[in-house]
Protein backbone atom coordinates (compact mmCIF):
# COMPACT_ATOMS: atom_id res chain seq x y z
CA MET A 1 50.72 40.45 -39.53
CA THR A 2 51.37 36.78 -40.10
CA SER A 3 48.36 34.82 -41.34
CA ALA A 4 47.40 31.46 -39.84
CA PRO A 5 48.73 28.49 -41.76
CA ALA A 6 46.23 26.97 -44.15
CA ILE A 7 44.69 23.64 -43.15
CA ASP A 8 45.21 20.85 -45.60
CA PRO A 9 41.68 19.59 -46.54
CA HIS A 10 42.99 16.06 -46.94
CA VAL A 11 44.42 16.12 -43.40
CA ALA A 12 41.12 17.48 -42.00
CA VAL A 13 39.13 14.71 -43.66
CA VAL A 14 41.51 12.06 -42.31
CA SER A 15 41.30 13.54 -38.78
CA GLU A 16 37.50 13.59 -38.92
CA ALA A 17 37.40 9.98 -40.09
CA LEU A 18 39.72 8.92 -37.29
CA ALA A 19 37.57 10.75 -34.72
CA LEU A 20 34.38 9.11 -35.98
CA ALA A 21 36.02 5.67 -35.97
CA PHE A 22 37.27 6.19 -32.42
CA LEU A 23 33.84 7.44 -31.31
CA ALA A 24 32.11 4.36 -32.76
CA ASP A 25 34.66 2.04 -31.19
CA LEU A 26 34.35 3.75 -27.79
CA SER A 27 30.54 3.66 -27.92
CA GLU A 28 30.63 -0.07 -28.67
CA THR A 29 33.05 -0.70 -25.79
CA LEU A 30 30.91 1.23 -23.30
CA ALA A 31 27.69 -0.43 -24.45
CA VAL A 32 28.77 -4.00 -23.79
CA SER A 33 28.88 -3.74 -19.98
CA LEU A 34 26.59 -2.33 -17.32
CA ASP A 35 29.35 -2.70 -14.72
CA LEU A 36 31.46 0.30 -15.68
CA ARG A 37 34.13 0.19 -12.99
CA GLN A 38 36.61 -1.63 -15.24
CA THR A 39 35.19 -0.36 -18.54
CA LEU A 40 35.44 3.32 -17.59
CA SER A 41 39.08 2.96 -16.55
CA GLU A 42 39.90 1.46 -19.94
CA ALA A 43 37.80 4.11 -21.72
CA VAL A 44 39.52 7.04 -19.96
CA THR A 45 42.93 5.56 -20.84
CA ARG A 46 41.93 5.31 -24.50
CA ILE A 47 40.51 8.85 -24.48
CA ALA A 48 43.79 10.18 -23.09
CA GLU A 49 45.73 8.40 -25.83
CA PHE A 50 43.41 9.58 -28.59
CA MET A 51 43.50 13.18 -27.34
CA ASP A 52 47.32 12.91 -27.05
CA ALA A 53 47.08 13.99 -23.38
CA GLU A 54 49.48 13.33 -20.51
CA ALA A 55 46.60 12.77 -18.07
CA ALA A 56 42.84 12.37 -18.04
CA SER A 57 40.21 12.09 -15.33
CA LEU A 58 36.48 11.53 -14.96
CA PHE A 59 34.47 13.27 -12.23
CA LEU A 60 30.90 12.42 -11.13
CA LEU A 61 28.41 14.32 -8.99
CA ASP A 62 27.65 12.89 -5.55
CA GLU A 63 24.09 12.05 -4.40
CA ASP A 64 23.56 15.56 -3.02
CA GLY A 65 24.55 17.11 -6.34
CA LYS A 66 26.91 19.58 -4.65
CA MET A 67 30.33 17.94 -4.95
CA LEU A 68 32.26 16.32 -7.80
CA GLU A 69 34.44 13.31 -7.07
CA CYS A 70 37.17 11.90 -9.29
CA LYS A 71 36.17 8.30 -10.01
CA VAL A 72 38.75 7.38 -12.68
CA CYS A 73 42.12 8.94 -13.57
CA VAL A 74 45.13 8.05 -15.74
CA GLY A 75 48.54 9.73 -15.87
CA PRO A 76 51.51 10.35 -13.58
CA ILE A 77 49.40 11.59 -10.64
CA ASP A 78 46.61 9.63 -8.94
CA ILE A 79 43.80 12.03 -7.96
CA ALA A 80 41.08 9.40 -7.54
CA GLY A 81 38.82 10.45 -4.68
CA LEU A 82 39.56 14.16 -5.11
CA ARG A 83 36.41 16.19 -4.35
CA ILE A 84 35.66 19.56 -5.94
CA PRO A 85 32.65 21.80 -5.14
CA ILE A 86 30.31 22.76 -7.97
CA GLY A 87 31.51 26.00 -9.58
CA GLN A 88 35.10 25.76 -8.31
CA GLY A 89 38.00 25.31 -10.71
CA VAL A 90 37.72 24.29 -14.33
CA VAL A 91 35.90 21.01 -13.56
CA GLY A 92 33.43 22.69 -11.18
CA ARG A 93 32.69 25.45 -13.73
CA THR A 94 32.19 22.93 -16.53
CA VAL A 95 29.40 21.22 -14.59
CA ALA A 96 27.92 24.44 -13.15
CA GLU A 97 27.71 26.06 -16.62
CA ASN A 98 27.12 22.78 -18.51
CA ARG A 99 29.59 23.74 -21.26
CA SER A 100 33.15 22.86 -22.23
CA GLN A 101 36.11 24.81 -20.82
CA VAL A 102 39.35 25.34 -22.80
CA VAL A 103 42.46 26.53 -20.94
CA ALA A 104 45.38 27.38 -23.24
CA ASP A 105 47.70 28.71 -20.52
CA ALA A 106 47.03 27.20 -17.10
CA VAL A 107 49.67 29.35 -15.40
CA SER A 108 47.89 32.62 -16.10
CA ASP A 109 44.24 31.47 -16.24
CA SER A 110 42.29 32.34 -13.05
CA ARG A 111 39.91 29.41 -13.56
CA VAL A 112 42.64 26.91 -12.76
CA ASP A 113 43.00 25.73 -9.16
CA ARG A 114 46.76 25.10 -8.79
CA SER A 115 46.59 23.57 -5.31
CA THR A 116 46.85 20.04 -6.72
CA ASP A 117 49.99 21.02 -8.66
CA SER A 118 51.47 22.46 -5.46
CA ASP A 119 50.72 19.26 -3.54
CA THR A 120 51.95 16.82 -6.20
CA GLY A 121 54.63 18.68 -8.14
CA PHE A 122 52.80 18.05 -11.42
CA VAL A 123 52.78 21.07 -13.77
CA THR A 124 49.55 21.80 -15.56
CA ARG A 125 50.18 23.70 -18.80
CA SER A 126 46.93 23.33 -20.71
CA LEU A 127 43.69 21.51 -20.11
CA LEU A 128 40.33 20.75 -21.62
CA CYS A 129 37.10 19.78 -19.82
CA ALA A 130 33.72 18.70 -21.21
CA PRO A 131 30.48 18.07 -19.29
CA LEU A 132 28.95 14.59 -19.12
CA ALA A 133 25.56 15.85 -20.23
CA THR A 134 22.17 14.11 -19.92
CA ALA A 135 18.59 15.20 -20.57
CA LYS A 136 18.28 16.07 -16.88
CA GLY A 137 21.55 18.02 -16.72
CA PRO A 138 25.24 17.16 -16.32
CA ILE A 139 26.21 14.24 -14.12
CA GLY A 140 29.94 14.96 -14.14
CA ALA A 141 32.86 16.02 -16.32
CA LEU A 142 35.62 14.53 -18.48
CA GLU A 143 39.00 16.32 -18.32
CA VAL A 144 42.27 15.93 -20.27
CA VAL A 145 45.52 17.68 -19.26
CA ASN A 146 48.65 18.72 -21.21
CA LYS A 147 49.24 17.76 -24.82
CA ARG A 148 52.16 15.34 -25.06
CA THR A 149 53.47 17.12 -28.12
CA GLY A 150 53.39 20.47 -26.36
CA GLY A 151 51.18 23.35 -27.33
CA SER A 152 47.62 23.95 -26.23
CA PHE A 153 44.27 22.30 -26.75
CA SER A 154 42.20 23.94 -29.47
CA ALA A 155 38.49 24.55 -30.09
CA ASP A 156 38.55 21.54 -32.43
CA ASP A 157 39.91 19.43 -29.57
CA ALA A 158 37.09 20.73 -27.35
CA GLU A 159 34.49 19.67 -29.92
CA ILE A 160 36.02 16.20 -30.20
CA LEU A 161 36.06 15.78 -26.40
CA ARG A 162 32.43 16.94 -26.23
CA LEU A 163 31.52 14.23 -28.76
CA VAL A 164 33.54 11.62 -26.85
CA ALA A 165 31.80 12.63 -23.59
CA ALA A 166 28.36 11.87 -25.07
CA PRO A 167 28.57 8.02 -25.17
CA THR A 168 30.42 8.11 -21.85
CA SER A 169 27.61 9.97 -20.07
CA LEU A 170 25.02 7.74 -21.78
CA ALA A 171 26.79 4.59 -20.60
CA ILE A 172 27.09 5.92 -17.03
CA ASN A 173 23.43 6.94 -17.00
CA ASN A 174 22.32 3.54 -18.33
CA ALA A 175 24.47 1.75 -15.77
CA ARG A 176 22.96 3.84 -12.98
CA MET A 177 19.42 3.11 -14.17
CA ALA A 178 20.23 -0.59 -14.42
CA HIS A 179 21.61 -0.48 -10.88
CA GLU A 180 18.45 1.27 -9.67
CA LEU A 181 16.29 -1.36 -11.36
CA VAL A 182 18.31 -4.12 -9.70
CA GLN A 183 17.94 -2.36 -6.35
CA GLN A 184 14.20 -1.91 -6.89
CA ALA A 185 13.83 -5.58 -7.77
CA ARG A 186 15.78 -6.54 -4.65
CA MET A 187 13.60 -4.25 -2.53
CA ARG A 188 10.46 -5.73 -4.07
CA ARG A 189 11.70 -9.21 -3.21
CA GLU A 190 12.46 -8.11 0.35
CA PHE A 191 9.09 -6.41 0.72
CA ASP A 192 7.34 -9.46 -0.72
CA LEU A 193 9.20 -11.70 1.72
CA ALA A 194 8.29 -9.38 4.62
CA ARG A 195 4.65 -9.29 3.49
CA ARG A 196 4.45 -13.08 3.28
CA MET A 197 6.12 -13.37 6.68
CA GLN A 198 3.64 -10.92 8.18
CA LYS A 199 0.64 -12.69 6.66
CA SER A 200 1.92 -16.01 7.97
CA LEU A 201 1.89 -14.56 11.50
CA LEU A 202 -1.78 -13.59 11.29
CA PRO A 203 -4.02 -16.30 12.76
CA LYS A 204 -6.21 -18.42 10.52
CA ARG A 205 -9.96 -18.03 10.82
CA ARG A 206 -11.46 -20.55 13.25
CA ARG A 207 -14.99 -21.84 12.79
CA ASP A 208 -17.50 -23.61 15.04
CA GLY A 209 -18.47 -20.60 17.10
CA PHE A 210 -14.98 -19.22 17.78
CA PRO A 211 -15.69 -15.76 19.24
CA LEU A 212 -12.93 -13.72 17.54
CA LEU A 213 -12.63 -12.54 13.97
CA GLY A 214 -9.91 -10.25 12.60
CA VAL A 215 -9.12 -8.45 9.34
CA ASN A 216 -5.89 -6.68 8.34
CA LEU A 217 -5.51 -4.39 5.31
CA PRO A 218 -2.03 -2.86 4.70
CA ALA A 219 -2.02 0.66 3.27
CA HIS A 220 1.27 -0.10 1.47
CA GLU A 221 3.41 -3.16 0.69
CA ILE A 222 3.82 -4.22 4.30
CA SER A 223 1.91 -3.46 7.45
CA GLY A 224 2.87 -2.11 10.85
CA ASP A 225 -0.42 -3.44 12.26
CA PHE A 226 -0.90 -6.92 13.69
CA TYR A 227 -3.33 -9.07 15.66
CA ASP A 228 -3.39 -12.57 17.09
CA TYR A 229 -5.43 -14.88 19.29
CA PHE A 230 -4.57 -18.17 21.01
CA ASP A 231 -5.84 -20.71 23.52
CA LEU A 232 -5.02 -20.29 27.22
CA PRO A 233 -4.43 -23.19 29.66
CA ASP A 234 -7.68 -22.46 31.55
CA GLY A 235 -9.82 -22.74 28.39
CA ARG A 236 -10.18 -19.03 27.75
CA ILE A 237 -8.81 -17.20 24.71
CA GLY A 238 -6.04 -14.61 24.73
CA PHE A 239 -5.91 -11.94 22.05
CA PHE A 240 -4.09 -8.75 21.11
CA ILE A 241 -4.09 -6.11 18.40
CA GLY A 242 -1.33 -3.56 17.84
CA ASP A 243 0.19 -0.85 15.69
CA VAL A 244 3.93 -0.08 15.38
CA SER A 245 4.83 3.55 14.65
CA GLY A 246 6.58 4.28 11.37
CA LYS A 247 6.64 2.57 7.99
CA GLY A 248 8.93 0.34 5.96
CA LEU A 249 11.03 -2.72 6.71
CA ASP A 250 12.24 -1.40 10.08
CA ALA A 251 8.67 -1.08 11.34
CA ALA A 252 7.78 -4.49 9.87
CA LEU A 253 10.68 -6.19 11.65
CA LEU A 254 9.75 -4.47 14.92
CA MET A 255 6.15 -5.60 14.41
CA VAL A 256 7.29 -9.23 14.15
CA ARG A 257 9.33 -8.86 17.31
CA VAL A 258 6.56 -7.17 19.31
CA ALA A 259 3.90 -9.65 18.14
CA SER A 260 6.11 -12.54 19.25
CA LEU A 261 6.78 -10.86 22.60
CA LEU A 262 3.07 -10.19 23.23
CA ARG A 263 2.19 -13.79 22.42
CA TRP A 264 5.00 -15.16 24.61
CA VAL A 265 3.91 -13.12 27.66
CA GLY A 266 0.18 -13.65 27.06
CA LYS A 267 0.38 -17.45 26.75
CA ASP A 268 0.90 -17.69 30.52
CA SER A 269 -2.61 -16.30 31.19
CA THR A 270 -1.00 -13.11 32.50
CA PRO A 271 -3.74 -10.60 33.46
CA PRO A 272 -4.05 -7.89 30.74
CA SER A 273 -2.77 -5.00 32.87
CA GLU A 274 0.30 -6.99 33.99
CA TRP A 275 0.70 -8.34 30.46
CA LEU A 276 1.28 -4.82 29.13
CA VAL A 277 3.60 -3.93 32.03
CA ARG A 278 5.92 -6.86 31.27
CA VAL A 279 6.02 -6.17 27.53
CA ASN A 280 6.61 -2.46 28.12
CA GLU A 281 9.54 -3.13 30.46
CA GLU A 282 11.13 -5.45 27.93
CA LEU A 283 10.76 -2.92 25.09
CA CYS A 284 12.10 -0.04 27.23
CA GLN A 285 15.28 -2.01 27.95
CA THR A 286 16.14 -2.20 24.24
CA SER A 287 16.58 0.51 21.64
CA LEU A 288 13.56 1.11 19.41
CA ASP A 289 15.19 4.03 17.54
CA GLY A 290 12.45 6.38 18.60
CA ARG A 291 9.61 4.03 17.67
CA PHE A 292 6.78 2.98 19.93
CA VAL A 293 3.92 0.49 19.94
CA CYS A 294 0.19 1.02 20.53
CA ALA A 295 -1.56 -2.16 21.64
CA LEU A 296 -4.65 -3.67 23.22
CA VAL A 297 -4.50 -7.08 24.93
CA GLY A 298 -7.23 -9.15 26.50
CA GLN A 299 -8.86 -12.44 27.42
CA CYS A 300 -12.38 -13.76 26.90
CA ASP A 301 -14.33 -16.96 27.55
CA ARG A 302 -15.38 -19.31 24.77
CA ASN A 303 -19.00 -18.13 24.85
CA ALA A 304 -17.93 -14.47 24.64
CA GLU A 305 -19.94 -13.59 27.73
CA HIS A 306 -17.18 -11.65 29.48
CA VAL A 307 -13.99 -10.00 28.26
CA GLU A 308 -11.13 -8.37 30.16
CA PHE A 309 -8.73 -6.10 28.34
CA ALA A 310 -6.16 -3.32 28.78
CA ALA A 311 -4.80 -0.84 26.25
CA ALA A 312 -1.64 1.22 25.74
CA GLY A 313 -2.10 4.27 23.53
CA PHE A 314 -4.68 2.41 21.42
CA PRO A 315 -7.91 3.91 19.98
CA PRO A 316 -10.99 3.39 22.18
CA ALA A 317 -12.61 -0.04 21.92
CA MET A 318 -16.30 0.16 20.95
CA LEU A 319 -19.04 -1.98 22.50
CA TYR A 320 -22.20 -2.25 20.37
CA ARG A 321 -25.44 -3.52 21.91
CA ASP A 322 -28.99 -2.98 20.62
CA GLY A 323 -28.07 0.07 18.58
CA GLU A 324 -26.10 1.75 21.39
CA PHE A 325 -22.34 2.33 21.61
CA THR A 326 -20.04 2.43 24.63
CA GLU A 327 -16.41 3.49 24.22
CA PHE A 328 -13.52 2.40 26.46
CA LEU A 329 -10.58 4.80 26.45
CA SER A 330 -6.99 3.58 26.52
CA GLY A 331 -5.58 3.51 30.03
CA GLY A 332 -1.91 4.15 29.36
CA ALA A 333 0.80 5.54 27.10
CA PRO A 334 2.17 3.55 24.13
CA LEU A 335 4.67 0.80 24.84
CA GLY A 336 8.40 1.39 24.64
CA ILE A 337 8.43 5.04 25.78
CA LEU A 338 8.40 5.11 29.59
CA SER A 339 9.38 2.35 31.96
CA ASP A 340 7.47 1.66 35.20
CA MET A 341 4.16 2.43 33.43
CA LYS A 342 0.93 1.07 34.93
CA PHE A 343 -2.09 0.01 32.89
CA GLU A 344 -5.75 -0.39 33.83
CA SER A 345 -7.91 -3.39 32.95
CA GLN A 346 -11.54 -3.20 31.83
CA VAL A 347 -14.01 -6.03 32.48
CA VAL A 348 -17.01 -5.96 30.13
CA ASP A 349 -20.22 -8.00 29.94
CA LEU A 350 -20.51 -9.15 26.31
CA LYS A 351 -23.89 -10.91 26.45
CA GLY A 352 -25.82 -9.86 23.36
CA ALA A 353 -23.09 -7.36 22.40
CA SER A 354 -20.12 -7.00 20.06
CA LEU A 355 -16.72 -5.51 20.95
CA TYR A 356 -14.80 -3.80 18.14
CA CYS A 357 -11.06 -3.14 18.60
CA PHE A 358 -9.36 -1.32 15.73
CA SER A 359 -6.17 0.55 14.84
CA ASP A 360 -6.18 4.27 14.07
CA GLY A 361 -6.05 3.40 10.36
CA VAL A 362 -9.82 2.84 10.58
CA THR A 363 -10.64 6.28 12.00
CA ASP A 364 -8.03 7.97 9.76
CA VAL A 365 -9.63 6.82 6.50
CA ARG A 366 -10.41 9.88 4.34
CA ASP A 367 -13.73 10.59 2.63
CA ALA A 368 -14.23 12.33 -0.75
CA GLN A 369 -13.50 15.70 0.89
CA ARG A 370 -10.25 14.27 2.41
CA ARG A 371 -11.71 14.45 5.91
CA THR A 372 -11.05 11.62 8.36
CA ILE A 373 -14.19 9.66 9.20
CA GLY A 374 -13.27 9.56 12.91
CA SER A 375 -15.09 7.61 15.60
CA GLU A 376 -18.46 8.86 14.39
CA GLY A 377 -17.83 7.45 10.92
CA VAL A 378 -16.83 4.09 12.41
CA ARG A 379 -20.05 3.99 14.45
CA GLU A 380 -22.07 4.69 11.30
CA LEU A 381 -20.28 1.88 9.46
CA ILE A 382 -20.94 -0.60 12.26
CA SER A 383 -24.60 0.44 12.49
CA ARG A 384 -25.15 0.07 8.74
CA HIS A 385 -23.92 -3.53 8.78
CA ALA A 386 -25.19 -4.54 12.22
CA GLY A 387 -27.92 -6.81 10.83
CA ALA A 388 -25.46 -9.19 9.15
CA SER A 389 -23.57 -12.09 10.65
CA ALA A 390 -19.99 -11.48 11.81
CA GLU A 391 -18.10 -12.43 8.63
CA PRO A 392 -20.29 -10.62 6.08
CA ARG A 393 -20.50 -7.70 8.50
CA LEU A 394 -16.71 -7.32 8.62
CA ARG A 395 -16.49 -7.81 4.85
CA GLY A 396 -19.11 -5.11 4.40
CA ILE A 397 -17.31 -2.66 6.70
CA PHE A 398 -13.99 -3.20 4.97
CA SER A 399 -15.58 -3.05 1.53
CA GLU A 400 -16.74 0.48 2.35
CA LEU A 401 -13.35 1.42 3.81
CA LYS A 402 -11.59 0.28 0.62
CA GLN A 403 -13.76 2.64 -1.42
CA LEU A 404 -12.42 5.56 0.63
CA ARG A 405 -8.79 6.74 0.86
CA LEU A 406 -6.64 4.60 3.13
CA VAL A 407 -3.76 6.55 4.65
CA ASP A 408 -2.56 3.99 7.18
CA ASP A 409 -2.66 0.27 7.87
CA THR A 410 -6.14 -0.78 8.87
CA THR A 411 -6.87 -3.62 11.29
CA LEU A 412 -10.05 -4.62 13.11
CA LEU A 413 -10.69 -7.34 15.67
CA LEU A 414 -14.28 -8.34 16.47
CA ILE A 415 -15.24 -10.23 19.64
CA GLU A 416 -18.76 -11.60 20.03
CA ARG A 417 -20.67 -14.84 20.38
CA MET A 418 -20.65 -16.37 16.90
CA GLN A 419 -23.17 -18.70 15.30
CA VAL A 420 -22.14 -22.33 15.62
CA HIS A 421 -24.51 -23.66 12.96
CA GLY A 422 -27.19 -22.32 10.69
CA PRO A 423 -27.20 -19.97 7.73
CA GLU A 424 -25.03 -16.88 7.51
CA ILE A 425 -27.06 -13.68 7.67
CA LEU A 426 -26.09 -11.36 4.81
CA LEU A 427 -28.76 -8.70 5.35
CA LYS A 428 -31.54 -8.15 7.83
CA ARG A 429 -33.73 -5.09 7.41
CA CYS A 430 -37.25 -4.05 8.46
CA PHE A 431 -38.53 -0.96 6.61
CA PRO A 432 -41.81 0.89 5.94
CA ALA A 433 -43.69 -0.41 2.91
CA GLN A 434 -43.24 2.80 0.94
CA PRO A 435 -41.82 3.24 -2.60
CA GLU A 436 -39.30 5.87 -1.46
CA GLN A 437 -37.63 3.26 0.77
CA MET A 438 -36.64 1.04 -2.15
CA ARG A 439 -33.61 3.02 -3.31
CA GLU A 440 -31.82 2.40 0.00
CA ILE A 441 -32.93 -1.25 0.07
CA ARG A 442 -31.53 -1.84 -3.43
CA SER A 443 -28.22 -0.28 -2.38
CA LEU A 444 -28.01 -2.35 0.82
CA LEU A 445 -28.88 -5.55 -1.01
CA ARG A 446 -26.35 -4.86 -3.76
CA GLY A 447 -23.63 -4.28 -1.14
CA ALA A 448 -24.56 -7.44 0.80
CA LEU A 449 -24.38 -9.58 -2.33
CA ASP A 450 -21.05 -7.99 -3.29
CA ASP A 451 -19.68 -8.78 0.16
CA ALA A 452 -20.85 -12.37 -0.26
CA GLY A 453 -18.88 -12.65 -3.52
CA VAL A 454 -21.89 -12.93 -5.87
CA GLU A 455 -20.97 -12.37 -9.54
CA THR A 456 -22.03 -8.91 -10.75
CA GLY A 457 -24.47 -10.02 -13.46
CA ILE A 458 -26.29 -12.42 -11.12
CA ARG A 459 -26.27 -9.80 -8.36
CA ASP A 460 -28.09 -7.24 -10.51
CA LYS A 461 -30.78 -9.75 -11.51
CA LEU A 462 -31.33 -10.76 -7.89
CA VAL A 463 -31.61 -7.12 -6.78
CA LEU A 464 -34.17 -6.48 -9.53
CA ALA A 465 -36.21 -9.55 -8.58
CA VAL A 466 -36.30 -8.60 -4.87
CA ASP A 467 -37.16 -5.00 -5.80
CA GLU A 468 -40.13 -6.17 -7.90
CA ALA A 469 -41.30 -8.47 -5.08
CA CYS A 470 -41.19 -5.57 -2.58
CA CYS A 471 -43.00 -3.24 -4.99
CA ASN A 472 -45.75 -5.82 -5.48
CA ILE A 473 -46.17 -6.06 -1.71
CA ILE A 474 -46.43 -2.26 -1.49
CA ARG A 475 -48.83 -1.88 -4.44
CA HIS A 476 -51.00 -4.99 -4.18
CA ALA A 477 -50.69 -6.59 -0.73
CA TYR A 478 -50.92 -3.36 1.25
CA GLY A 479 -52.39 -1.18 -1.46
CA PRO A 480 -53.64 2.34 -0.80
CA GLU A 481 -55.89 1.25 2.09
CA HIS A 482 -53.29 -0.40 4.33
CA SER A 483 -49.84 0.45 5.70
CA GLY A 484 -47.17 -1.52 7.47
CA ASP A 485 -43.61 -2.85 7.22
CA ILE A 486 -41.64 -5.27 5.11
CA ASP A 487 -39.12 -7.50 6.86
CA LEU A 488 -36.29 -8.52 4.48
CA ARG A 489 -33.83 -11.24 5.49
CA VAL A 490 -31.08 -12.57 3.18
CA THR A 491 -29.06 -15.61 4.25
CA SER A 492 -26.42 -17.87 2.72
CA GLU A 493 -25.79 -21.54 3.44
CA ASN A 494 -23.83 -24.11 1.44
CA GLY A 495 -23.75 -21.90 -1.65
CA LYS A 496 -27.50 -21.21 -1.65
CA LEU A 497 -29.03 -17.79 -1.06
CA GLU A 498 -32.41 -17.41 0.61
CA PHE A 499 -34.47 -14.21 0.34
CA ARG A 500 -37.32 -14.00 2.84
CA LEU A 501 -39.92 -11.23 2.75
CA LEU A 502 -42.51 -10.90 5.54
CA ASP A 503 -45.36 -8.41 5.58
CA SER A 504 -48.40 -7.75 7.78
CA ALA A 505 -50.78 -6.99 4.91
CA PRO A 506 -54.07 -8.86 4.38
CA SER A 507 -53.34 -12.46 3.45
CA VAL A 508 -53.08 -13.22 -0.25
CA ASP A 509 -54.34 -16.46 -1.80
CA PRO A 510 -51.12 -18.02 -3.19
CA GLY A 511 -53.14 -19.87 -5.83
CA ARG A 512 -54.16 -16.60 -7.44
CA VAL A 513 -50.57 -15.42 -7.94
CA ARG A 514 -49.56 -16.32 -11.49
CA ALA A 515 -46.66 -15.18 -13.64
CA LYS A 516 -47.40 -13.27 -16.83
CA PRO A 517 -45.05 -13.18 -19.85
CA LEU A 518 -42.22 -10.69 -19.43
CA GLY A 519 -43.40 -8.89 -22.57
CA GLU A 520 -46.61 -7.90 -20.78
CA CYS A 521 -45.44 -5.12 -18.52
CA ARG A 522 -48.80 -4.48 -16.93
CA SER A 523 -48.82 -3.89 -13.21
CA GLY A 524 -48.96 -6.97 -11.05
CA GLY A 525 -47.43 -9.64 -13.27
CA LEU A 526 -43.89 -8.51 -14.12
CA GLY A 527 -42.50 -9.16 -10.61
CA VAL A 528 -43.69 -12.78 -10.52
CA ALA A 529 -42.32 -13.39 -14.03
CA LEU A 530 -38.94 -12.00 -13.00
CA ILE A 531 -38.89 -14.16 -9.89
CA ASP A 532 -39.69 -17.21 -12.04
CA THR A 533 -36.83 -16.34 -14.41
CA VAL A 534 -34.15 -15.38 -11.88
CA MET A 535 -34.78 -17.62 -8.86
CA ASP A 536 -34.35 -21.39 -8.72
CA ASP A 537 -37.56 -21.75 -6.70
CA TRP A 538 -39.95 -19.63 -4.67
CA VAL A 539 -43.02 -20.03 -2.52
CA LEU A 540 -45.67 -17.59 -1.28
CA GLN A 541 -47.37 -18.56 1.97
CA LYS A 542 -49.71 -17.15 4.54
CA ARG A 543 -47.89 -16.40 7.76
CA PRO A 544 -48.63 -19.00 10.45
CA ASP A 545 -50.16 -16.34 12.68
CA ASP A 546 -52.47 -15.17 9.84
CA ARG A 547 -50.96 -11.67 10.20
CA GLY A 548 -49.68 -11.33 6.67
CA ASN A 549 -47.73 -13.11 3.96
CA ARG A 550 -44.33 -14.79 3.60
CA LEU A 551 -42.39 -14.98 0.32
CA ILE A 552 -39.31 -17.23 0.28
CA MET A 553 -36.98 -17.34 -2.76
CA HIS A 554 -33.83 -19.42 -3.34
CA LYS A 555 -30.85 -19.08 -5.68
CA LYS A 556 -27.82 -21.36 -5.98
CA ILE A 557 -24.66 -19.33 -6.61
CA THR A 558 -20.95 -19.76 -7.28
CA VAL A 559 -18.91 -17.39 -5.14
CA LYS A 560 -16.15 -15.51 -6.97
CA LYS A 561 -12.65 -15.61 -5.47
CA ASN A 562 -11.54 -12.73 -3.29
CA ASN A 563 -8.22 -11.29 -4.52
CA GLY A 564 -7.96 -8.69 -1.76
CA GLU A 565 -5.38 -8.44 1.00
CA ASP A 566 -7.83 -9.31 3.78
CA ARG A 567 -6.93 -12.21 6.00
CA GLU A 568 -9.73 -13.78 8.02
């Protein structure tokens, strides 16, 4: 038996040094560019030369991870674009098994797919393939074919190619991540542009008794919800609120189109039922790619005494009057599905009432148990904030919604007769003069002050001062021998808060009410001392009808900026 020739140690050391030098040089070349189209072609050429191979190719997995495609090749045959299934042939096995493959005799090795040789006339004698490995698995393979000097590739050649594949796979992975970051940045810019465009379409809040107020809160970067209102030639006001099915930029672009179409048709004072018919016909004549639009359109007079509206697949509008709710169901299917649809109009008396129109994002909000709050939850929200003026009421409702789990865009449009002048009512509550009532009152007052933008530290002091004032009324004005109610009213005007407390207890002589030092925590004096410390001024009076007492307290505040997404 003939023994293998001995390897000259000096030659081995020289070969190892050359391999390390080439590896360092290749790594440096690949690291200088994130655009690898040209760099990889040069790298594969240099790898083929270093490995003394007639041909070399680089394959990468497609997006589905099931096929390998030749991206770069050098040699006499151009196989760029060749696709190989995972597990098939030497390249497919290399990736499937994530280990190098050495083929000494391609003619007799069953792993070799010879169809390419048959098609091109190229003769594959020996080949070597190494995976382009990453921490998440191989992303492709690097293959060299036929030694120029004849003979076969060895295990040492396989180890060198495995080492050469490492910086190649790293460079490809880095380039891909860089490309993804660029794409993400581009998408963020596009989403930001779409969001700004959408917000610019929402109407600005009008003052001086304008009877409509809207709020929009996107669940994600951009919203499929929208609303608008505008003046009509006859002096009335047209309005609409809608929700486009789907998410993303496609839905946002459709939203812009539909909002423009609704405004264009509505500006002619078109009756609500006919308004929806015309918009529906226009949408049905164009492709919406399976999308549809839920909408409610209407008209009201400036004094918000009467409103006429029609809906298409929209959640029921809610009328609130004196603690009672009336719901108005949608009269037709969503827009853009069926042509020749008819819609029904509703005419509603709004005197002394409020009409709430909202997208299904409001009813679909999830509580702590991941249950939707539904229509009943919306009614409870409206009832809890009913005592406040329109703006703080809507802020309060949306403040509670934000504390829950939003799963869809949320939009609400309120129609009612607004206050033209006078203070804004933040909280209005009449409650039994009983200590157990104070926990709820503190919570309501804290929420009202939050909604008004009062700084947290000041808010807590104001809540404590009002709580002490109420407790003094319960303990000392009513006392154990009398019972009755406390009427709390909190208003805001020109940056000044007013807290008014009315009771029907026996009249108290204001001259006998004196503050005691805060260090003396005896009953009866702490509340007055707190009021002195926290409030700018206060006055205790007998009620004009001699049926109790009136305490009025004032505090000048600086409202903190609202950084939310609401648009009013």
